């Protein structure tokens, strides 16, 4: 089965938007660190804000299903920046 060109374009634009959003988040993270906010505190607050927003957009059940997949993704290194040896 092949993917329709319009679906590929939509996926590309969605990926671009996520990269742009991540850039804004990275800037806010850096500013918070410079202001003396502890990185772990900022990260937890960001997760809280993200889940609030996701629940508002997609509803509790869909977000709960998304969250159920997080442990496996974390364990498989999807969010790891540097690997420990």
Protein backbone atom coordinates (compact mmCIF):
# COMPACT_ATOMS: atom_id res chain seq x y z
CA UNK A 1 0.00 0.00 0.00
CA UNK A 2 1.38 3.41 -0.94
CA UNK A 3 0.93 6.64 0.92
CA UNK A 4 -0.91 9.42 -0.89
CA UNK A 5 1.20 12.49 -1.70
CA UNK A 6 -1.19 14.74 0.26
CA UNK A 7 -0.69 12.57 3.35
CA UNK A 8 3.08 12.85 2.97
CA UNK A 9 2.83 16.64 2.68
CA UNK A 10 0.63 16.76 5.80
CA UNK A 11 3.11 14.61 7.73
CA UNK A 12 5.97 16.85 6.57
CA UNK A 13 4.16 20.01 7.72
CA UNK A 14 3.28 18.42 11.07
CA UNK A 15 6.93 17.45 11.59
CA UNK A 16 8.02 20.99 10.68
CA UNK A 17 5.58 22.46 13.20
CA UNK A 18 6.86 20.10 15.91
CA UNK A 19 10.47 21.13 15.16
CA UNK A 20 9.49 24.81 15.32
CA UNK A 21 7.61 24.29 18.60
CA UNK A 22 10.59 22.42 20.05
CA UNK A 23 12.78 25.39 19.14
CA UNK A 24 10.51 27.72 21.13
CA UNK A 25 10.51 25.31 24.05
CA UNK A 26 14.31 25.01 23.96
CA UNK A 27 14.62 28.81 24.09
CA UNK A 28 12.21 29.02 27.05
CA UNK A 29 14.11 26.23 28.81
CA UNK A 30 17.42 28.07 28.36
CA UNK A 31 15.90 31.32 29.64
CA UNK A 32 14.49 29.56 32.70
CA UNK A 33 17.89 28.04 33.49
CA UNK A 34 19.55 31.43 33.16
CA UNK A 35 16.95 32.82 35.57
CA UNK A 36 17.92 30.15 38.11
CA UNK A 37 15.07 27.67 37.65
CA UNK A 38 16.23 24.10 38.32
CA UNK A 39 16.13 22.05 35.11
CA UNK A 40 14.16 19.15 36.59
CA UNK A 41 11.56 21.52 38.00
CA UNK A 42 11.15 23.20 34.62
CA UNK A 43 10.90 19.84 32.83
CA UNK A 44 8.18 18.58 35.20
CA UNK A 45 6.26 21.85 34.83
CA UNK A 46 6.54 21.54 31.04
CA UNK A 47 5.13 18.01 31.18
CA UNK A 48 2.24 19.20 33.35
CA UNK A 49 1.50 22.04 30.93
CA UNK A 50 1.75 19.71 27.94
CA UNK A 51 -0.65 17.16 29.43
CA UNK A 52 -3.13 19.91 30.37
CA UNK A 53 -3.06 21.16 26.79
CA UNK A 54 -3.30 17.67 25.27
CA UNK A 55 -6.27 16.73 27.45
CA UNK A 56 -7.98 19.96 26.47
CA UNK A 57 -7.47 19.20 22.78
CA UNK A 58 -7.85 15.41 22.61
CA UNK A 59 -9.67 14.40 25.80
CA UNK A 60 -8.60 12.31 28.75
CA UNK A 61 -8.95 8.86 27.18
CA UNK A 62 -6.85 9.58 24.09
CA UNK A 63 -4.13 11.22 26.18
CA UNK A 64 -4.19 8.31 28.66
CA UNK A 65 -3.65 5.89 25.75
CA UNK A 66 -0.75 8.06 24.54
CA UNK A 67 0.74 8.12 28.05
CA UNK A 68 0.50 4.33 28.38
CA UNK A 69 3.05 4.01 25.57
CA UNK A 70 5.55 6.37 27.23
CA UNK A 71 7.34 3.81 29.47
CA UNK A 72 8.25 1.63 26.49
CA UNK A 73 9.38 4.62 24.44
CA UNK A 74 11.51 5.85 27.35
CA UNK A 75 13.05 2.42 27.94
CA UNK A 76 13.91 2.13 24.24
CA UNK A 77 15.86 5.39 24.40
CA UNK A 78 13.54 7.52 22.28
CA UNK A 79 14.11 10.51 24.58
CA UNK A 80 17.73 9.82 25.52
CA UNK A 81 20.14 12.54 24.43
CA UNK A 82 23.36 10.76 25.37
CA UNK A 83 23.74 7.07 25.99
CA UNK A 84 25.34 5.87 29.21
CA UNK A 85 28.01 3.20 28.76
